[in-house]
Every structure is written in structure tokens, then in C-alpha cells.
């Protein structure tokens, strides 16, 4: 891709290669620039912030903010996956 994050290029290219519209993509990001990139591309964004970053910074760009991947519940997104139910 030509431009790096926070430009949307990487997510637009990923959606193109998958053959789907960006709005059908769910982005997981731990960095604010990455979350901004996904949102700018038109994707849905789940922020999993680095513990050193204030979670509130993601509130304007993330559709959901979780503390770690074990908190992810796919039911909100129509995905049959509940991370909390998996064996660690």
C-alpha cells in the first residue's frame, strides 16, 4: 500500500483482496492510529488498547473497546465465537 496508518489504505486493500466491502470487515487494533485507519476505511473497529494507553482515546473511533481478546464476544457482530468459552 502507498500510505501507512492512519491512512485507510491497508484496510481498503485487505477488503479488496477478500472480495468484500470494508463495512463487512471487523478490525482489531491496539493502537489509536490503527483504529483511526480502520474507521476511515469504513470498517467496524474493536479496540484492544495497549495497557499504557487511555481507553477513552478510542471512544470516538472504536465501535467497541475491550481490555483483552478474551473479552471478545462475537454475538454482537454475528460471529459464532465467545472467547471466554475457549480453553486457555
PDB file of N, CA and C in Angstrom:
ATOM      1  N   UNK A   1       0.840  -1.186   0.000  1.00  0.00           N
ATOM      2  CA  UNK A   1       0.000   0.000   0.000  1.00  0.00           C
ATOM      3  C   UNK A   1       0.881   1.245   0.000  1.00  0.00           C
ATOM      4  N   UNK A   2       0.318   2.300  -0.521  1.00  0.00           N
ATOM      5  CA  UNK A   2       1.090   3.532  -0.658  1.00  0.00           C
ATOM      6  C   UNK A   2       1.259   4.270   0.675  1.00  0.00           C
ATOM      7  N   UNK A   3       0.175   4.383   1.412  1.00  0.00           N
ATOM      8  CA  UNK A   3       0.209   5.155   2.661  1.00  0.00           C
ATOM      9  C   UNK A   3      -0.018   4.245   3.862  1.00  0.00           C
ATOM     10  N   UNK A   4       0.772   4.483   4.906  1.00  0.00           N
ATOM     11  CA  UNK A   4       0.620   3.720   6.139  1.00  0.00           C
ATOM     12  C   UNK A   4      -0.470   4.301   7.024  1.00  0.00           C
ATOM     13  N   UNK A   5      -0.716   3.632   8.134  1.00  0.00           N
ATOM     14  CA  UNK A   5      -1.695   4.106   9.100  1.00  0.00           C
ATOM     15  C   UNK A   5      -1.272   5.470   9.640  1.00  0.00           C
ATOM     16  N   UNK A   6      -2.185   6.387   9.846  1.00  0.00           N
ATOM     17  CA  UNK A   6      -3.623   6.227   9.970  1.00  0.00           C
ATOM     18  C   UNK A   6      -4.416   6.332   8.664  1.00  0.00           C
ATOM     19  N   UNK A   7      -3.751   6.363   7.517  1.00  0.00           N
ATOM     20  CA  UNK A   7      -4.476   6.329   6.245  1.00  0.00           C
ATOM     21  C   UNK A   7      -5.220   4.994   6.145  1.00  0.00           C
ATOM     22  N   UNK A   8      -6.338   4.956   5.461  1.00  0.00           N
ATOM     23  CA  UNK A   8      -7.145   3.732   5.392  1.00  0.00           C
ATOM     24  C   UNK A   8      -6.650   2.693   4.395  1.00  0.00           C
ATOM     25  N   UNK A   9      -5.581   2.983   3.685  1.00  0.00           N
ATOM     26  CA  UNK A   9      -5.133   2.145   2.566  1.00  0.00           C
ATOM     27  C   UNK A   9      -5.018   0.658   2.886  1.00  0.00           C
ATOM     28  N   UNK A  10      -4.438   0.299   4.013  1.00  0.00           N
ATOM     29  CA  UNK A  10      -4.200  -1.110   4.330  1.00  0.00           C
ATOM     30  C   UNK A  10      -5.513  -1.871   4.473  1.00  0.00           C
ATOM     31  N   UNK A  11      -6.508  -1.247   5.088  1.00  0.00           N
ATOM     32  CA  UNK A  11      -7.785  -1.921   5.275  1.00  0.00           C
ATOM     33  C   UNK A  11      -8.609  -1.938   3.997  1.00  0.00           C
ATOM     34  N   UNK A  12      -8.493  -0.908   3.183  1.00  0.00           N
ATOM     35  CA  UNK A  12      -9.168  -0.919   1.894  1.00  0.00           C
ATOM     36  C   UNK A  12      -8.594  -2.026   1.007  1.00  0.00           C
ATOM     37  N   UNK A  13      -7.281  -2.185   1.026  1.00  0.00           N
ATOM     38  CA  UNK A  13      -6.646  -3.239   0.239  1.00  0.00           C
ATOM     39  C   UNK A  13      -7.018  -4.627   0.756  1.00  0.00           C
ATOM     40  N   UNK A  14      -7.067  -4.783   2.066  1.00  0.00           N
ATOM     41  CA  UNK A  14      -7.446  -6.080   2.642  1.00  0.00           C
ATOM     42  C   UNK A  14      -8.872  -6.455   2.234  1.00  0.00           C
ATOM     43  N   UNK A  15      -9.798  -5.502   2.319  1.00  0.00           N
ATOM     44  CA  UNK A  15     -11.181  -5.772   1.924  1.00  0.00           C
ATOM     45  C   UNK A  15     -11.252  -6.121   0.442  1.00  0.00           C
ATOM     46  N   UNK A  16     -10.510  -5.406  -0.364  1.00  0.00           N
ATOM     47  CA  UNK A  16     -10.486  -5.673  -1.802  1.00  0.00           C
ATOM     48  C   UNK A  16     -10.000  -7.093  -2.074  1.00  0.00           C
ATOM     49  N   UNK A  17      -8.931  -7.494  -1.417  1.00  0.00           N
ATOM     50  CA  UNK A  17      -8.379  -8.840  -1.628  1.00  0.00           C
ATOM     51  C   UNK A  17      -9.320  -9.924  -1.119  1.00  0.00           C
ATOM     52  N   UNK A  18     -10.089  -9.612  -0.090  1.00  0.00           N
ATOM     53  CA  UNK A  18     -11.069 -10.568   0.426  1.00  0.00           C
ATOM     54  C   UNK A  18     -12.348 -10.587  -0.405  1.00  0.00           C
ATOM     55  N   UNK A  19     -12.504  -9.587  -1.253  1.00  0.00           N
ATOM     56  CA  UNK A  19     -13.691  -9.500  -2.098  1.00  0.00           C
ATOM     57  C   UNK A  19     -14.938  -9.065  -1.349  1.00  0.00           C
ATOM     58  N   UNK A  20     -14.749  -8.227  -0.325  1.00  0.00           N
ATOM     59  CA  UNK A  20     -15.877  -7.741   0.462  1.00  0.00           C
ATOM     60  C   UNK A  20     -15.802  -6.224   0.595  1.00  0.00           C
ATOM     61  N   UNK A  21     -16.919  -5.633   0.946  1.00  0.00           N
ATOM     62  CA  UNK A  21     -16.953  -4.194   1.217  1.00  0.00           C
ATOM     63  C   UNK A  21     -16.318  -3.959   2.590  1.00  0.00           C
ATOM     64  N   UNK A  22     -15.604  -2.873   2.779  1.00  0.00           N
ATOM     65  CA  UNK A  22     -14.990  -2.608   4.084  1.00  0.00           C
ATOM     66  C   UNK A  22     -15.970  -2.647   5.261  1.00  0.00           C
ATOM     67  N   UNK A  23     -17.216  -2.288   5.011  1.00  0.00           N
ATOM     68  CA  UNK A  23     -18.205  -2.303   6.091  1.00  0.00           C
ATOM     69  C   UNK A  23     -18.494  -3.721   6.597  1.00  0.00           C
ATOM     70  N   UNK A  24     -18.058  -4.723   5.850  1.00  0.00           N
ATOM     71  CA  UNK A  24     -18.224  -6.117   6.261  1.00  0.00           C
ATOM     72  C   UNK A  24     -17.007  -6.630   7.030  1.00  0.00           C
ATOM     73  N   UNK A  25     -16.020  -5.767   7.240  1.00  0.00           N
ATOM     74  CA  UNK A  25     -14.782  -6.157   7.922  1.00  0.00           C
ATOM     75  C   UNK A  25     -14.789  -5.693   9.372  1.00  0.00           C
ATOM     76  N   UNK A  26     -14.248  -6.547  10.227  1.00  0.00           N
ATOM     77  CA  UNK A  26     -14.104  -6.205  11.635  1.00  0.00           C
ATOM     78  C   UNK A  26     -12.615  -6.116  11.939  1.00  0.00           C
ATOM     79  N   UNK A  27     -12.198  -4.940  12.343  1.00  0.00           N
ATOM     80  CA  UNK A  27     -10.792  -4.643  12.601  1.00  0.00           C
ATOM     81  C   UNK A  27     -10.528  -4.715  14.102  1.00  0.00           C
ATOM     82  N   UNK A  28      -9.451  -5.389  14.473  1.00  0.00           N
ATOM     83  CA  UNK A  28      -8.987  -5.399  15.863  1.00  0.00           C
ATOM     84  C   UNK A  28      -7.707  -4.589  15.901  1.00  0.00           C
ATOM     85  N   UNK A  29      -7.665  -3.575  16.747  1.00  0.00           N
ATOM     86  CA  UNK A  29      -6.493  -2.708  16.810  1.00  0.00           C
ATOM     87  C   UNK A  29      -6.124  -2.382  18.247  1.00  0.00           C
ATOM     88  N   UNK A  30      -4.811  -2.312  18.488  1.00  0.00           N
ATOM     89  CA  UNK A  30      -4.326  -1.927  19.813  1.00  0.00           C
ATOM     90  C   UNK A  30      -3.770  -0.514  19.832  1.00  0.00           C
ATOM     91  N   UNK A  31      -3.662   0.107  18.672  1.00  0.00           N
ATOM     92  CA  UNK A  31      -3.095   1.450  18.556  1.00  0.00           C
ATOM     93  C   UNK A  31      -4.140   2.418  18.002  1.00  0.00           C
ATOM     94  N   UNK A  32      -4.112   3.644  18.473  1.00  0.00           N
ATOM     95  CA  UNK A  32      -5.083   4.647  18.040  1.00  0.00           C
ATOM     96  C   UNK A  32      -5.003   4.908  16.537  1.00  0.00           C
ATOM     97  N   UNK A  33      -3.794   5.021  15.986  1.00  0.00           N
ATOM     98  CA  UNK A  33      -3.663   5.244  14.539  1.00  0.00           C
ATOM     99  C   UNK A  33      -4.266   4.098  13.742  1.00  0.00           C
ATOM    100  N   UNK A  34      -4.110   2.890  14.226  1.00  0.00           N
ATOM    101  CA  UNK A  34      -4.693   1.743  13.544  1.00  0.00           C
ATOM    102  C   UNK A  34      -6.209   1.763  13.599  1.00  0.00           C
ATOM    103  N   UNK A  35      -6.761   2.121  14.751  1.00  0.00           N
ATOM    104  CA  UNK A  35      -8.212   2.223  14.887  1.00  0.00           C
ATOM    105  C   UNK A  35      -8.756   3.324  13.977  1.00  0.00           C
ATOM    106  N   UNK A  36      -8.060   4.448  13.908  1.00  0.00           N
ATOM    107  CA  UNK A  36      -8.466   5.534  13.012  1.00  0.00           C
ATOM    108  C   UNK A  36      -8.427   5.071  11.563  1.00  0.00           C
ATOM    109  N   UNK A  37      -7.418   4.303  11.219  1.00  0.00           N
ATOM    110  CA  UNK A  37      -7.271   3.775   9.866  1.00  0.00           C
ATOM    111  C   UNK A  37      -8.449   2.883   9.496  1.00  0.00           C
ATOM    112  N   UNK A  38      -8.786   1.955  10.384  1.00  0.00           N
ATOM    113  CA  UNK A  38      -9.910   1.059  10.126  1.00  0.00           C
ATOM    114  C   UNK A  38     -11.218   1.803   9.987  1.00  0.00           C
ATOM    115  N   UNK A  39     -11.461   2.749  10.873  1.00  0.00           N
ATOM    116  CA  UNK A  39     -12.696   3.527  10.824  1.00  0.00           C
ATOM    117  C   UNK A  39     -12.767   4.369   9.557  1.00  0.00           C
ATOM    118  N   UNK A  40     -11.644   4.972   9.151  1.00  0.00           N
ATOM    119  CA  UNK A  40     -11.609   5.779   7.925  1.00  0.00           C
ATOM    120  C   UNK A  40     -11.888   4.944   6.687  1.00  0.00           C
ATOM    121  N   UNK A  41     -11.538   3.664   6.748  1.00  0.00           N
ATOM    122  CA  UNK A  41     -11.781   2.760   5.620  1.00  0.00           C
ATOM    123  C   UNK A  41     -13.247   2.340   5.552  1.00  0.00           C
ATOM    124  N   UNK A  42     -13.983   2.568   6.633  1.00  0.00           N
ATOM    125  CA  UNK A  42     -15.378   2.170   6.664  1.00  0.00           C
ATOM    126  C   UNK A  42     -15.610   0.842   7.359  1.00  0.00           C
ATOM    127  N   UNK A  43     -14.587   0.334   8.024  1.00  0.00           N
ATOM    128  CA  UNK A  43     -14.682  -0.928   8.754  1.00  0.00           C
ATOM    129  C   UNK A  43     -15.279  -0.699  10.131  1.00  0.00           C
ATOM    130  N   UNK A  44     -15.724  -1.773  10.753  1.00  0.00           N
ATOM    131  CA  UNK A  44     -16.109  -1.747  12.162  1.00  0.00           C
ATOM    132  C   UNK A  44     -14.831  -1.988  12.947  1.00  0.00           C
ATOM    133  N   UNK A  45     -14.684  -1.339  14.083  1.00  0.00           N
ATOM    134  CA  UNK A  45     -13.427  -1.389  14.826  1.00  0.00           C
ATOM    135  C   UNK A  45     -13.643  -1.831  16.268  1.00  0.00           C
ATOM    136  N   UNK A  46     -12.880  -2.853  16.664  1.00  0.00           N
ATOM    137  CA  UNK A  46     -12.813  -3.271  18.061  1.00  0.00           C
ATOM    138  C   UNK A  46     -11.422  -2.885  18.548  1.00  0.00           C
ATOM    139  N   UNK A  47     -11.380  -1.998  19.517  1.00  0.00           N
ATOM    140  CA  UNK A  47     -10.100  -1.568  20.073  1.00  0.00           C
ATOM    141  C   UNK A  47      -9.733  -2.468  21.249  1.00  0.00           C
ATOM    142  N   UNK A  48      -8.483  -2.902  21.234  1.00  0.00           N
ATOM    143  CA  UNK A  48      -7.909  -3.676  22.331  1.00  0.00           C
ATOM    144  C   UNK A  48      -6.668  -2.890  22.742  1.00  0.00           C
ATOM    145  N   UNK A  49      -6.881  -1.764  23.434  1.00  0.00           N
ATOM    146  CA  UNK A  49      -5.781  -0.833  23.683  1.00  0.00           C
ATOM    147  C   UNK A  49      -4.615  -1.432  24.458  1.00  0.00           C
ATOM    148  N   UNK A  50      -3.455  -1.011  24.061  1.00  0.00           N
ATOM    149  CA  UNK A  50      -2.252  -1.301  24.833  1.00  0.00           C
ATOM    150  C   UNK A  50      -2.517  -0.764  26.238  1.00  0.00           C
ATOM    151  N   UNK A  51      -2.167  -1.515  27.274  1.00  0.00           N
ATOM    152  CA  UNK A  51      -2.450  -1.070  28.648  1.00  0.00           C
ATOM    153  C   UNK A  51      -1.856   0.294  29.007  1.00  0.00           C
ATOM    154  N   UNK A  52      -0.863   0.729  28.260  1.00  0.00           N
ATOM    155  CA  UNK A  52      -0.251   2.031  28.546  1.00  0.00           C
ATOM    156  C   UNK A  52      -1.032   3.196  27.956  1.00  0.00           C
ATOM    157  N   UNK A  53      -2.088   2.901  27.190  1.00  0.00           N
ATOM    158  CA  UNK A  53      -2.869   3.936  26.513  1.00  0.00           C
ATOM    159  C   UNK A  53      -4.236   4.057  27.179  1.00  0.00           C
ATOM    160  N   UNK A  54      -4.688   5.278  27.381  1.00  0.00           N
ATOM    161  CA  UNK A  54      -6.003   5.524  27.967  1.00  0.00           C
ATOM    162  C   UNK A  54      -7.095   5.018  27.027  1.00  0.00           C
ATOM    163  N   UNK A  55      -7.985   4.199  27.517  1.00  0.00           N
ATOM    164  CA  UNK A  55      -9.059   3.625  26.706  1.00  0.00           C
ATOM    165  C   UNK A  55      -9.972   4.702  26.121  1.00  0.00           C
ATOM    166  N   UNK A  56     -10.167   5.798  26.850  1.00  0.00           N
ATOM    167  CA  UNK A  56     -11.071   6.854  26.396  1.00  0.00           C
ATOM    168  C   UNK A  56     -10.631   7.458  25.063  1.00  0.00           C
ATOM    169  N   UNK A  57      -9.351   7.386  24.744  1.00  0.00           N
ATOM    170  CA  UNK A  57      -8.859   7.931  23.478  1.00  0.00           C
ATOM    171  C   UNK A  57      -9.487   7.233  22.279  1.00  0.00           C
ATOM    172  N   UNK A  58      -9.945   6.012  22.461  1.00  0.00           N
ATOM    173  CA  UNK A  58     -10.519   5.224  21.369  1.00  0.00           C
ATOM    174  C   UNK A  58     -12.018   5.437  21.201  1.00  0.00           C
ATOM    175  N   UNK A  59     -12.650   6.115  22.137  1.00  0.00           N
ATOM    176  CA  UNK A  59     -14.115   6.197  22.138  1.00  0.00           C
ATOM    177  C   UNK A  59     -14.705   6.841  20.886  1.00  0.00           C
ATOM    178  N   UNK A  60     -13.986   7.718  20.242  1.00  0.00           N
ATOM    179  CA  UNK A  60     -14.531   8.378  19.048  1.00  0.00           C
ATOM    180  C   UNK A  60     -14.333   7.565  17.767  1.00  0.00           C
ATOM    181  N   UNK A  61     -13.488   6.531  17.805  1.00  0.00           N
ATOM    182  CA  UNK A  61     -13.222   5.765  16.581  1.00  0.00           C
ATOM    183  C   UNK A  61     -13.579   4.286  16.684  1.00  0.00           C
ATOM    184  N   UNK A  62     -13.679   3.762  17.881  1.00  0.00           N
ATOM    185  CA  UNK A  62     -13.948   2.333  18.040  1.00  0.00           C
ATOM    186  C   UNK A  62     -15.436   2.078  18.244  1.00  0.00           C
ATOM    187  N   UNK A  63     -15.922   0.998  17.662  1.00  0.00           N
ATOM    188  CA  UNK A  63     -17.305   0.580  17.872  1.00  0.00           C
ATOM    189  C   UNK A  63     -17.437  -0.176  19.195  1.00  0.00           C
ATOM    190  N   UNK A  64     -16.321  -0.732  19.640  1.00  0.00           N
ATOM    191  CA  UNK A  64     -16.274  -1.437  20.915  1.00  0.00           C
ATOM    192  C   UNK A  64     -14.850  -1.355  21.448  1.00  0.00           C
ATOM    193  N   UNK A  65     -14.715  -1.253  22.758  1.00  0.00           N
ATOM    194  CA  UNK A  65     -13.401  -1.235  23.403  1.00  0.00           C
ATOM    195  C   UNK A  65     -13.384  -2.369  24.416  1.00  0.00           C
ATOM    196  N   UNK A  66     -12.393  -3.251  24.301  1.00  0.00           N
ATOM    197  CA  UNK A  66     -12.271  -4.364  25.235  1.00  0.00           C
ATOM    198  C   UNK A  66     -10.872  -4.347  25.849  1.00  0.00           C
ATOM    199  N   UNK A  67     -10.763  -4.945  27.022  1.00  0.00           N
ATOM    200  CA  UNK A  67      -9.486  -4.937  27.740  1.00  0.00           C
ATOM    201  C   UNK A  67      -8.470  -5.915  27.185  1.00  0.00           C
ATOM    202  N   UNK A  68      -8.963  -7.050  26.671  1.00  0.00           N
ATOM    203  CA  UNK A  68      -8.087  -8.034  26.037  1.00  0.00           C
ATOM    204  C   UNK A  68      -8.941  -8.922  25.137  1.00  0.00           C
ATOM    205  N   UNK A  69      -8.315  -9.740  24.332  1.00  0.00           N
ATOM    206  CA  UNK A  69      -9.037 -10.551  23.361  1.00  0.00           C
ATOM    207  C   UNK A  69      -9.950 -11.579  24.019  1.00  0.00           C
ATOM    208  N   UNK A  70      -9.664 -11.975  25.254  1.00  0.00           N
ATOM    209  CA  UNK A  70     -10.519 -12.933  25.954  1.00  0.00           C
ATOM    210  C   UNK A  70     -11.886 -12.332  26.271  1.00  0.00           C
ATOM    211  N   UNK A  71     -12.022 -11.023  26.184  1.00  0.00           N
ATOM    212  CA  UNK A  71     -13.302 -10.359  26.433  1.00  0.00           C
ATOM    213  C   UNK A  71     -14.153 -10.245  25.171  1.00  0.00           C
ATOM    214  N   UNK A  72     -13.611 -10.648  24.030  1.00  0.00           N
ATOM    215  CA  UNK A  72     -14.359 -10.506  22.775  1.00  0.00           C
ATOM    216  C   UNK A  72     -15.544 -11.455  22.737  1.00  0.00           C
ATOM    217  N   UNK A  73     -16.703 -10.902  22.405  1.00  0.00           N
ATOM    218  CA  UNK A  73     -17.924 -11.677  22.211  1.00  0.00           C
ATOM    219  C   UNK A  73     -18.392 -11.457  20.781  1.00  0.00           C
ATOM    220  N   UNK A  74     -18.357 -12.498  19.995  1.00  0.00           N
ATOM    221  CA  UNK A  74     -18.746 -12.390  18.595  1.00  0.00           C
ATOM    222  C   UNK A  74     -20.230 -12.195  18.381  1.00  0.00           C
ATOM    223  N   UNK A  75     -21.053 -12.494  19.378  1.00  0.00           N
ATOM    224  CA  UNK A  75     -22.502 -12.405  19.196  1.00  0.00           C
ATOM    225  C   UNK A  75     -22.944 -11.006  18.772  1.00  0.00           C
ATOM    226  N   UNK A  76     -22.274  -9.995  19.264  1.00  0.00           N
ATOM    227  CA  UNK A  76     -22.616  -8.615  18.882  1.00  0.00           C
ATOM    228  C   UNK A  76     -22.405  -8.382  17.387  1.00  0.00           C
ATOM    229  N   UNK A  77     -21.515  -9.149  16.793  1.00  0.00           N
ATOM    230  CA  UNK A  77     -21.124  -8.954  15.406  1.00  0.00           C
ATOM    231  C   UNK A  77     -21.646 -10.046  14.479  1.00  0.00           C
ATOM    232  N   UNK A  78     -22.456 -10.952  15.012  1.00  0.00           N
ATOM    233  CA  UNK A  78     -22.975 -12.041  14.190  1.00  0.00           C
ATOM    234  C   UNK A  78     -21.938 -13.119  13.930  1.00  0.00           C
ATOM    235  N   UNK A  79     -20.970 -13.221  14.821  1.00  0.00           N
ATOM    236  CA  UNK A  79     -19.886 -14.197  14.689  1.00  0.00           C
ATOM    237  C   UNK A  79     -20.055 -15.237  15.801  1.00  0.00           C
ATOM    238  N   UNK A  80     -20.099 -16.513  15.452  1.00  0.00           N
ATOM    239  CA  UNK A  80     -20.290 -17.537  16.477  1.00  0.00           C
ATOM    240  C   UNK A  80     -18.995 -17.841  17.238  1.00  0.00           C
ATOM    241  N   UNK A  81     -18.543 -16.879  18.022  1.00  0.00           N
ATOM    242  CA  UNK A  81     -17.312 -17.048  18.775  1.00  0.00           C
ATOM    243  C   UNK A  81     -17.409 -16.286  20.092  1.00  0.00           C
ATOM    244  N   UNK A  82     -17.211 -17.008  21.178  1.00  0.00           N
ATOM    245  CA  UNK A  82     -17.167 -16.412  22.503  1.00  0.00           C
ATOM    246  C   UNK A  82     -15.817 -16.772  23.090  1.00  0.00           C
ATOM    247  N   UNK A  83     -14.906 -15.825  23.090  1.00  0.00           N
ATOM    248  CA  UNK A  83     -13.545 -16.099  23.543  1.00  0.00           C
ATOM    249  C   UNK A  83     -13.524 -16.610  24.986  1.00  0.00           C
ATOM    250  N   UNK A  84     -14.402 -16.112  25.841  1.00  0.00           N
ATOM    251  CA  UNK A  84     -14.415 -16.520  27.241  1.00  0.00           C
ATOM    252  C   UNK A  84     -14.738 -18.000  27.411  1.00  0.00           C
ATOM    253  N   UNK A  85     -15.377 -18.598  26.394  1.00  0.00           N
ATOM    254  CA  UNK A  85     -15.732 -20.016  26.475  1.00  0.00           C
ATOM    255  C   UNK A  85     -14.631 -20.946  26.002  1.00  0.00           C
ATOM    256  N   UNK A  86     -13.589 -20.411  25.413  1.00  0.00           N
ATOM    257  CA  UNK A  86     -12.492 -21.240  24.911  1.00  0.00           C
ATOM    258  C   UNK A  86     -11.532 -21.629  26.026  1.00  0.00           C
ATOM    259  N   UNK A  87     -10.932 -22.779  25.892  1.00  0.00           N
ATOM    260  CA  UNK A  87      -9.896 -23.188  26.845  1.00  0.00           C
ATOM    261  C   UNK A  87      -8.668 -22.340  26.611  1.00  0.00           C
ATOM    262  N   UNK A  88      -8.078 -21.911  27.698  1.00  0.00           N
ATOM    263  CA  UNK A  88      -6.880 -21.081  27.567  1.00  0.00           C
ATOM    264  C   UNK A  88      -5.667 -21.943  27.567  1.00  0.00           C
TER     265      UNK A  88
END
